[in-house]
Amino acid sequence: MRVSPAATLSLSLTIPVPLASTKTHFSGEYFRFKRDVSIDQSFSRLGRLVSEKLSRRWTFSCKCRNRGRNGYAKFDDEGEDFIVVNFYRFVSIGDPEAEIEKHLSFLQDLNIRGRIYLNEQGINAQYSGPSKDALAYVEWLKEDVRFSGLLVQMSPAINGHAFPKLKLQNKPSLVQYEGGISHLPLLDPPMRAKPLEPSEWKRKLKDLTDDDEAAPSSSGRSCILLDVRNGYEWDVGHFRGARRPEVDCFRNTSFGLSDEKEAVSDPLINVDKEKTDILMYCTGGIRCDVYSTVLRQRGFKNLYTLKGGVSHYLEEEDTSEWVGNLFVFDSRLSLPPAAYSNNAVDETRRTPPTPVDTSFATCYICDSQVQELRHRNCANLDCNRLFLCCAECVVDLKGCCCSNCITAPRLRPLLHGVKRYEKWHVYRDS
């Protein structure tokens, strides 16, 4: 018997997957992973398999309210919910170029866009795509023992792709930091901050509620809550008690590295490195892991980071101790905490968003309260600054961040709502 090289064997496996172990948004449901196996094989006259070459592709579907004939929703690009996926891991990769080729080979038939960076120190990924494609990549990656148990964060992308294209490349630094990070001991866990589960983090924050920041406790220890993000991220949401970081790019972060003369802008100046607990947080965790190794080398002993970052915390603990939205580095720019709750991918289409406190956020131009926790880009292309703005100033300054930008030669039209600017030629040629 001979089987055509084009023959396809379809295998389906239905398994219960607990939410806690997968970090997905389909709590209590069953997943069906369908493996389409293309077989190039030949058989002897006795029917014994002589050779077999398999190439696999995973597709994803979930049991939900939109069931198909077999009781499961078969997702495709048309009408499927899009999601944004974020994860990272510091792990030794001997040959990053070969690793990239493997990933490219798997991703070539998937509808995925975003940033996936690999190098000798690991992987850092943020991408969007239809659920079946976005999750297929995660499952494929977890088959590699180096990436098993990967903590993956997901959130809905209501308007489709949140990134313009896919960038999969070997980057010298998984995150941008002055001087690079290749020399940092990121592969040595004890050199990084101790990760705290969201529940532990919540308890520590509550312990700080009745005390002033950095105030010593009865044991003589003090504690500092450190936001390791950019100032404009803090402006739309932060943990209560966290000081606004006076930086606009992680590359320039220098907490604990400043001279004593700059103590006003550096919360870590003159602190007792032996008796001060530093609680660090960022969006997904990677910036804290990187910067904690910098602080460790500077002699800071008690470093703690929020495992999985704010996005993981909002999924596990909701808005306790958090105020506002979460800034994200994609076309969505800002997400309410509800976006990270269980079943958020599905519920955002059916339930109204939970009201978010905006009382702390002010317009960069007139200092009045803003109603929408979402930045906009300056209409002046050569400025392009991200800024928060009230409705009145948006109109008065024609979408610009200041009066000087109004007369700029490359001025784009005022955008309303959540639209993002397109390439300059679209406006230049219109």
Protein backbone atom coordinates (compact mmCIF):
# COMPACT_ATOMS: atom_id res chain seq x y z
CA MET A 1 0.00 0.00 0.00
CA ARG A 2 1.28 3.49 -0.83
CA VAL A 3 0.05 6.74 0.64
CA SER A 4 0.14 9.92 -1.39
CA PRO A 5 2.63 12.50 -0.10
CA ALA A 6 -0.23 14.95 0.02
CA ALA A 7 -2.30 12.79 2.37
CA THR A 8 -3.32 14.48 5.59
CA LEU A 9 -4.11 12.81 8.88
CA SER A 10 -6.28 14.88 11.21
CA LEU A 11 -6.06 14.15 14.93
CA SER A 12 -8.12 15.91 17.58
CA LEU A 13 -7.48 15.94 21.30
CA THR A 14 -9.83 17.48 23.84
CA ILE A 15 -8.31 18.16 27.24
CA PRO A 16 -9.45 20.12 30.30
CA VAL A 17 -6.96 22.90 31.00
CA PRO A 18 -7.14 24.78 34.33
CA LEU A 19 -7.04 28.54 34.01
CA ALA A 20 -4.34 28.85 36.64
CA SER A 21 -1.85 26.85 34.63
CA THR A 22 -2.47 28.36 31.22
CA LYS A 23 -3.19 32.01 32.03
CA THR A 24 -5.87 32.12 29.37
CA HIS A 25 -9.18 33.93 29.49
CA PHE A 26 -11.42 30.90 28.99
CA SER A 27 -11.94 29.83 32.59
CA GLY A 28 -13.65 26.54 33.22
CA GLU A 29 -13.91 25.61 29.55
CA TYR A 30 -12.31 22.89 27.55
CA PHE A 31 -9.81 23.51 24.80
CA ARG A 32 -9.66 21.57 21.59
CA PHE A 33 -6.34 21.55 19.83
CA LYS A 34 -6.54 20.09 16.37
CA ARG A 35 -3.36 18.72 14.91
CA ASP A 36 -3.21 18.55 11.14
CA VAL A 37 -0.38 16.19 10.31
CA SER A 38 0.98 16.11 6.79
CA ILE A 39 2.52 12.71 6.19
CA ASP A 40 5.16 11.80 3.65
CA GLN A 41 5.42 8.10 4.16
CA SER A 42 5.82 4.76 2.42
CA PHE A 43 4.79 1.25 3.48
CA SER A 44 6.20 -2.15 2.73
CA ARG A 45 3.96 -4.87 1.27
CA LEU A 46 3.42 -6.12 4.81
CA GLY A 47 2.01 -2.71 5.74
CA ARG A 48 4.88 -1.89 8.05
CA LEU A 49 5.72 1.79 8.27
CA VAL A 50 9.17 2.23 6.77
CA SER A 51 9.60 6.00 6.93
CA GLU A 52 7.53 8.89 8.15
CA LYS A 53 8.14 12.63 8.02
CA LEU A 54 5.75 14.84 9.91
CA SER A 55 5.15 18.54 9.74
CA ARG A 56 2.68 19.90 12.27
CA ARG A 57 0.50 22.90 12.61
CA TRP A 58 -1.72 23.55 15.59
CA THR A 59 -5.07 25.23 15.23
CA PHE A 60 -7.14 26.42 18.16
CA SER A 61 -10.81 26.45 18.96
CA CYS A 62 -12.72 26.79 22.20
CA LYS A 63 -16.03 25.65 23.55
CA CYS A 64 -18.23 28.73 23.79
CA ARG A 65 -21.60 30.26 23.00
CA ASN A 66 -20.90 30.24 19.23
CA ARG A 67 -20.68 26.49 18.78
CA GLY A 68 -20.23 24.79 15.45
CA ARG A 69 -21.49 21.37 14.37
CA ASN A 70 -19.14 19.53 16.70
CA GLY A 71 -19.96 21.71 19.72
CA TYR A 72 -16.87 23.87 19.28
CA ALA A 73 -16.35 27.23 17.64
CA LYS A 74 -14.01 26.88 14.67
CA PHE A 75 -12.07 30.11 14.54
CA ASP A 76 -10.80 31.72 11.39
CA ASP A 77 -9.57 35.20 10.48
CA GLU A 78 -13.07 36.31 9.48
CA GLY A 79 -15.07 37.24 12.55
CA GLU A 80 -12.58 35.84 15.04
CA ASP A 81 -11.61 37.74 18.13
CA PHE A 82 -8.13 39.25 17.93
CA ILE A 83 -5.89 39.26 20.99
CA VAL A 84 -2.56 40.73 22.00
CA VAL A 85 -0.06 38.33 23.57
CA ASN A 86 2.92 39.30 25.73
CA PHE A 87 5.65 37.15 27.25
CA TYR A 88 9.37 37.03 27.87
CA ARG A 89 11.95 34.68 29.30
CA PHE A 90 15.62 34.96 30.11
CA VAL A 91 17.20 31.70 29.01
CA SER A 92 20.40 30.73 27.23
CA ILE A 93 19.98 30.43 23.44
CA GLY A 94 23.15 29.08 21.88
CA ASP A 95 22.39 29.96 18.26
CA PRO A 96 19.86 32.83 18.02
CA GLU A 97 19.94 32.91 14.22
CA ALA A 98 19.03 29.23 13.96
CA GLU A 99 16.32 29.76 16.58
CA ILE A 100 14.88 32.63 14.56
CA GLU A 101 14.75 30.45 11.46
CA LYS A 102 12.70 27.86 13.37
CA HIS A 103 10.26 30.53 14.55
CA LEU A 104 9.96 32.05 11.09
CA SER A 105 9.22 28.64 9.62
CA PHE A 106 6.39 28.08 12.09
CA LEU A 107 4.98 31.60 11.82
CA GLN A 108 4.98 31.89 8.05
CA ASP A 109 1.40 30.63 7.70
CA LEU A 110 0.04 32.45 10.77
CA ASN A 111 -1.60 35.85 10.82
CA ILE A 112 0.63 37.39 13.46
CA ARG A 113 2.06 40.91 13.70
CA GLY A 114 4.22 42.41 16.38
CA ARG A 115 7.70 42.42 17.89
CA ILE A 116 9.48 39.17 18.71
CA TYR A 117 13.09 39.64 19.75
CA LEU A 118 15.56 36.85 20.45
CA ASN A 119 19.23 36.76 21.39
CA GLU A 120 21.65 34.78 23.53
CA GLN A 121 19.80 35.90 26.68
CA GLY A 122 16.29 34.79 25.72
CA ILE A 123 13.10 36.06 24.11
CA ASN A 124 10.80 39.08 24.44
CA ALA A 125 7.52 39.04 22.50
CA GLN A 126 4.51 41.31 22.01
CA TYR A 127 2.24 40.48 19.10
CA SER A 128 -1.37 40.43 17.93
CA GLY A 129 -3.41 38.05 15.84
CA PRO A 130 -6.57 35.97 15.61
CA SER A 131 -6.92 33.79 18.71
CA LYS A 132 -6.15 30.54 16.94
CA ASP A 133 -2.90 31.86 15.47
CA ALA A 134 -1.79 33.81 18.52
CA LEU A 135 -2.28 30.83 20.82
CA ALA A 136 -0.86 28.31 18.35
CA TYR A 137 2.50 30.06 18.54
CA VAL A 138 2.45 29.95 22.34
CA GLU A 139 1.65 26.23 22.41
CA TRP A 140 4.35 25.49 19.84
CA LEU A 141 6.89 27.45 21.86
CA LYS A 142 5.99 25.65 25.09
CA GLU A 143 6.88 22.32 23.50
CA ASP A 144 10.49 23.45 23.90
CA VAL A 145 11.60 22.67 27.46
CA ARG A 146 13.36 26.04 27.64
CA PHE A 147 10.00 27.78 27.35
CA SER A 148 7.73 25.40 29.22
CA GLY A 149 5.78 27.04 31.99
CA LEU A 150 5.98 30.38 30.21
CA LEU A 151 3.83 33.06 31.85
CA VAL A 152 1.72 34.49 29.04
CA GLN A 153 -0.44 37.61 29.28
CA MET A 154 -3.34 38.21 26.91
CA SER A 155 -5.72 41.08 26.30
CA PRO A 156 -8.37 41.84 23.66
CA ALA A 157 -7.62 43.75 20.46
CA ILE A 158 -11.11 44.91 19.53
CA ASN A 159 -10.10 46.62 16.29
CA GLY A 160 -7.95 43.81 14.94
CA HIS A 161 -4.18 43.92 14.76
CA ALA A 162 -2.46 46.18 17.29
CA PHE A 163 0.83 46.18 15.36
CA PRO A 164 1.50 47.12 11.72
CA LYS A 165 3.78 44.20 10.82
CA LEU A 166 5.79 41.30 12.21
CA LYS A 167 9.36 41.98 13.32
CA LEU A 168 11.16 38.78 14.31
CA GLN A 169 14.84 39.43 14.74
CA ASN A 170 18.04 38.98 16.68
CA LYS A 171 18.29 42.11 18.82
CA PRO A 172 21.45 42.96 20.80
CA SER A 173 19.19 43.93 23.75
CA LEU A 174 15.79 42.44 24.54
CA VAL A 175 14.88 45.85 25.99
CA GLN A 176 16.58 49.14 25.22
CA TYR A 177 18.82 50.37 28.01
CA GLU A 178 21.76 52.77 27.98
CA GLY A 179 24.91 50.77 27.32
CA GLY A 180 22.94 47.63 26.42
CA ILE A 181 22.09 44.68 28.67
CA SER A 182 24.24 41.90 27.20
CA HIS A 183 26.79 42.40 30.00
CA LEU A 184 24.18 42.06 32.77
CA PRO A 185 23.86 38.71 34.64
CA LEU A 186 20.25 38.20 33.55
CA LEU A 187 20.63 34.43 33.27
CA ASP A 188 21.51 34.22 36.98
CA PRO A 189 18.15 34.32 38.86
CA PRO A 190 19.65 35.36 42.25
CA MET A 191 20.99 38.51 40.58
CA ARG A 192 17.47 39.54 39.64
CA ALA A 193 14.82 40.77 42.06
CA LYS A 194 12.75 38.19 43.91
CA PRO A 195 9.42 37.80 42.06
CA LEU A 196 6.29 38.20 44.19
CA GLU A 197 2.97 36.64 43.28
CA PRO A 198 0.19 39.24 42.85
CA SER A 199 -1.35 38.20 46.18
CA GLU A 200 1.97 38.73 47.99
CA TRP A 201 2.44 42.06 46.25
CA LYS A 202 -1.04 43.14 47.30
CA ARG A 203 -0.28 42.32 50.95
CA LYS A 204 2.95 44.32 50.88
CA LEU A 205 1.18 47.31 49.34
CA LYS A 206 -1.47 47.21 52.04
CA ASP A 207 1.27 47.20 54.66
CA LEU A 208 2.42 50.50 53.18
CA THR A 209 -1.03 52.09 53.24
CA ASP A 210 -0.80 53.45 56.78
CA ASP A 211 2.86 54.41 56.53
CA ASP A 212 4.66 57.08 54.57
CA GLU A 213 6.81 55.89 51.68
CA ALA A 214 10.25 54.79 52.90
CA ALA A 215 9.18 55.23 56.55
CA PRO A 216 10.96 52.74 58.85
CA SER A 217 8.87 50.06 60.52
CA SER A 218 9.19 48.83 64.10
CA SER A 219 11.87 46.41 62.89
CA GLY A 220 13.96 49.28 61.57
CA ARG A 221 13.34 48.34 57.95
CA SER A 222 11.92 50.71 55.36
CA CYS A 223 10.17 50.13 52.05
CA ILE A 224 10.08 52.02 48.76
CA LEU A 225 7.56 51.46 45.95
CA LEU A 226 9.40 52.02 42.66
CA ASP A 227 7.63 52.48 39.32
CA VAL A 228 10.17 51.31 36.71
CA ARG A 229 8.25 52.73 33.76
CA ASN A 230 8.09 56.10 32.04
CA GLY A 231 6.41 59.18 33.43
CA TYR A 232 3.74 59.22 30.72
CA GLU A 233 2.79 55.64 31.63
CA TRP A 234 2.27 56.67 35.25
CA ASP A 235 0.05 59.51 34.05
CA VAL A 236 -2.73 57.13 32.95
CA GLY A 237 -2.43 54.58 35.76
CA HIS A 238 -0.26 53.48 38.69
CA PHE A 239 -0.23 51.81 42.08
CA ARG A 240 -1.30 54.06 44.91
CA GLY A 241 1.72 55.48 46.67
CA ALA A 242 4.09 55.15 43.70
CA ARG A 243 6.05 58.27 42.79
CA ARG A 244 5.92 59.43 39.18
CA PRO A 245 9.20 58.46 37.45
CA GLU A 246 10.88 61.48 35.91
CA VAL A 247 11.98 59.68 32.74
CA ASP A 248 10.45 59.41 29.28
CA CYS A 249 12.42 56.36 28.14
CA PHE A 250 13.53 53.26 30.05
CA ARG A 251 16.92 53.64 28.38
CA ASN A 252 17.56 56.64 30.64
CA THR A 253 16.39 55.10 33.94
CA SER A 254 18.95 55.84 36.64
CA PHE A 255 17.33 55.22 40.04
CA GLY A 256 20.05 54.52 42.59
CA LEU A 257 22.79 55.60 40.20
CA SER A 258 22.62 59.37 40.69
CA ASP A 259 24.95 61.62 42.63
CA GLU A 260 23.80 62.82 46.03
CA LYS A 261 23.17 66.28 44.57
CA GLU A 262 20.30 64.80 42.55
CA ALA A 263 18.52 63.29 45.55
CA VAL A 264 15.28 65.18 44.87
CA SER A 265 14.61 63.27 41.65
CA ASP A 266 16.00 59.90 42.80
CA PRO A 267 13.99 58.01 45.45
CA LEU A 268 16.89 55.61 46.07
CA ILE A 269 19.48 58.22 47.01
CA ASN A 270 20.83 57.85 50.56
CA VAL A 271 18.66 54.83 51.42
CA ASP A 272 20.06 52.00 53.52
CA LYS A 273 20.83 49.32 50.92
CA GLU A 274 20.86 46.63 53.60
CA LYS A 275 17.58 47.49 55.33
CA THR A 276 15.41 48.98 52.58
CA ASP A 277 12.94 46.80 50.68
CA ILE A 278 12.59 47.97 47.08
CA LEU A 279 9.26 46.96 45.49
CA MET A 280 9.62 47.32 41.72
CA TYR A 281 6.90 47.11 39.10
CA CYS A 282 6.41 47.66 35.37
CA THR A 283 3.91 46.57 32.70
CA GLY A 284 4.96 42.96 32.14
CA GLY A 285 8.00 42.44 34.37
CA ILE A 286 10.95 42.50 31.98
CA ARG A 287 12.10 46.04 32.75
CA CYS A 288 12.16 45.24 36.47
CA ASP A 289 14.16 42.07 35.89
CA VAL A 290 16.69 44.02 33.87
CA TYR A 291 16.98 46.98 36.19
CA SER A 292 17.10 44.89 39.35
CA THR A 293 20.38 43.37 38.16
CA VAL A 294 21.74 46.91 37.79
CA LEU A 295 20.70 47.72 41.36
CA ARG A 296 22.02 44.40 42.63
CA GLN A 297 25.43 45.27 41.26
CA ARG A 298 25.17 48.59 43.09
CA GLY A 299 24.74 46.80 46.41
CA PHE A 300 20.96 46.85 46.92
CA LYS A 301 20.12 43.67 48.82
CA ASN A 302 16.34 43.53 49.19
CA LEU A 303 14.85 43.74 45.73
CA TYR A 304 11.34 42.53 44.90
CA THR A 305 9.44 42.62 41.64
CA LEU A 306 5.80 42.03 40.73
CA LYS A 307 5.70 38.70 38.89
CA GLY A 308 4.19 39.16 35.44
CA GLY A 309 3.96 42.91 35.99
CA VAL A 310 0.82 45.01 36.26
CA SER A 311 -1.00 43.07 33.55
CA HIS A 312 -0.71 39.85 35.58
CA TYR A 313 -1.71 41.64 38.76
CA LEU A 314 -4.88 43.07 37.19
CA GLU A 315 -5.81 39.59 36.00
CA GLU A 316 -5.35 38.06 39.44
CA GLU A 317 -6.28 40.84 41.87
CA ASP A 318 -8.41 43.21 39.79
CA THR A 319 -7.97 46.91 40.69
CA SER A 320 -7.02 46.56 44.35
CA GLU A 321 -4.38 49.24 45.10
CA TRP A 322 -4.34 50.24 41.41
CA VAL A 323 -5.79 53.45 40.00
CA GLY A 324 -6.50 54.30 36.35
CA ASN A 325 -5.68 52.42 33.14
CA LEU A 326 -2.59 50.56 31.98
CA PHE A 327 -0.46 52.09 29.23
CA VAL A 328 0.49 49.58 26.52
CA PHE A 329 3.06 49.90 23.74
CA ASP A 330 0.83 49.17 20.76
CA SER A 331 -1.89 50.94 18.80
CA ARG A 332 -4.36 50.66 21.68
CA LEU A 333 -2.14 52.82 23.94
CA SER A 334 -4.32 52.40 27.03
CA LEU A 335 -6.39 49.56 28.50
CA PRO A 336 -8.86 49.59 31.40
CA PRO A 337 -8.19 46.99 34.12
CA ALA A 338 -11.25 45.03 32.98
CA ALA A 339 -9.38 44.10 29.79
CA TYR A 340 -7.24 41.72 31.84
CA SER A 341 -10.08 40.07 33.76
CA ASN A 342 -11.10 36.48 33.09
CA ASN A 343 -13.03 36.08 29.83
CA ALA A 344 -12.10 39.64 28.80
CA VAL A 345 -11.57 38.62 25.19
CA ASP A 346 -15.19 37.58 24.94
CA GLU A 347 -16.87 39.93 27.42
CA THR A 348 -15.65 43.17 25.88
CA ARG A 349 -18.12 42.63 23.06
CA ARG A 350 -21.09 42.16 25.35
CA THR A 351 -20.67 44.06 28.61
CA PRO A 352 -20.04 47.76 29.27
CA PRO A 353 -16.57 48.60 30.61
CA THR A 354 -16.14 49.11 34.34
CA PRO A 355 -15.91 52.82 35.24
CA VAL A 356 -12.31 53.88 35.82
CA ASP A 357 -11.18 56.63 38.19
CA THR A 358 -9.73 59.50 36.12
CA SER A 359 -9.60 62.10 38.90
CA PHE A 360 -5.79 61.99 39.18
CA ALA A 361 -5.09 62.58 35.46
CA THR A 362 -4.56 66.11 34.16
CA CYS A 363 -4.16 67.78 30.79
CA TYR A 364 -0.52 68.41 29.90
CA ILE A 365 -1.47 71.84 28.53
CA CYS A 366 -3.93 73.45 30.95
CA ASP A 367 -3.74 71.09 33.98
CA SER A 368 -7.49 70.49 34.00
CA GLN A 369 -8.85 67.00 34.59
CA VAL A 370 -9.05 64.76 31.55
CA GLN A 371 -11.95 62.39 30.99
CA GLU A 372 -10.13 59.90 28.79
CA LEU A 373 -7.00 58.08 30.03
CA ARG A 374 -5.44 57.75 26.63
CA HIS A 375 -2.55 59.61 25.08
CA ARG A 376 -2.56 61.12 21.62
CA ASN A 377 0.33 62.00 19.32
CA CYS A 378 1.04 65.62 18.53
CA ALA A 379 -0.32 66.57 15.10
CA ASN A 380 3.10 68.00 14.26
CA LEU A 381 4.84 65.05 12.62
CA ASP A 382 8.28 66.34 13.57
CA CYS A 383 7.24 66.46 17.23
CA ASN A 384 4.90 63.44 17.51
CA ARG A 385 4.94 63.74 21.30
CA LEU A 386 2.64 61.51 23.31
CA PHE A 387 0.52 63.65 25.60
CA LEU A 388 -2.69 63.69 27.61
CA CYS A 389 -5.09 66.41 26.61
CA CYS A 390 -8.55 67.64 27.56
CA ALA A 391 -11.22 67.99 24.86
CA GLU A 392 -11.01 71.78 24.83
CA CYS A 393 -7.24 71.94 24.31
CA VAL A 394 -7.41 69.31 21.57
CA VAL A 395 -9.63 71.61 19.54
CA ASP A 396 -7.91 74.87 20.48
CA LEU A 397 -4.44 73.58 19.53
CA LYS A 398 -5.63 71.55 16.52
CA GLY A 399 -4.33 68.32 18.00
CA CYS A 400 -0.89 69.75 18.83
CA CYS A 401 0.88 69.57 22.17
CA CYS A 402 1.78 73.27 22.28
CA SER A 403 1.24 76.54 20.43
CA ASN A 404 4.63 76.30 18.68
CA CYS A 405 3.61 73.09 16.90
CA ILE A 406 0.49 74.64 15.34
CA THR A 407 2.59 76.41 12.68
CA ALA A 408 4.81 73.41 11.89
CA PRO A 409 5.31 72.67 8.16
CA ARG A 410 4.31 69.02 8.43
CA LEU A 411 1.04 69.34 10.29
CA ARG A 412 -1.38 66.44 10.28
CA PRO A 413 -5.17 66.86 10.62
CA LEU A 414 -6.91 66.74 13.97
CA LEU A 415 -7.98 63.19 14.81
CA HIS A 416 -11.08 62.46 16.87
CA GLY A 417 -11.75 59.42 19.01
CA VAL A 418 -9.23 56.58 19.26
CA LYS A 419 -7.82 56.87 15.74
CA ARG A 420 -4.05 56.79 15.18
CA TYR A 421 -2.13 58.75 12.59
CA GLU A 422 -1.16 57.03 9.37
CA LYS A 423 2.03 57.46 7.36
CA TRP A 424 2.86 61.04 6.35
CA HIS A 425 2.35 60.46 2.64
CA VAL A 426 -1.36 59.85 3.26
CA TYR A 427 -1.73 63.45 4.41
CA ARG A 428 0.92 64.95 2.13
CA ASP A 429 -0.73 63.62 -1.03
CA SER A 430 -4.33 64.36 -0.01
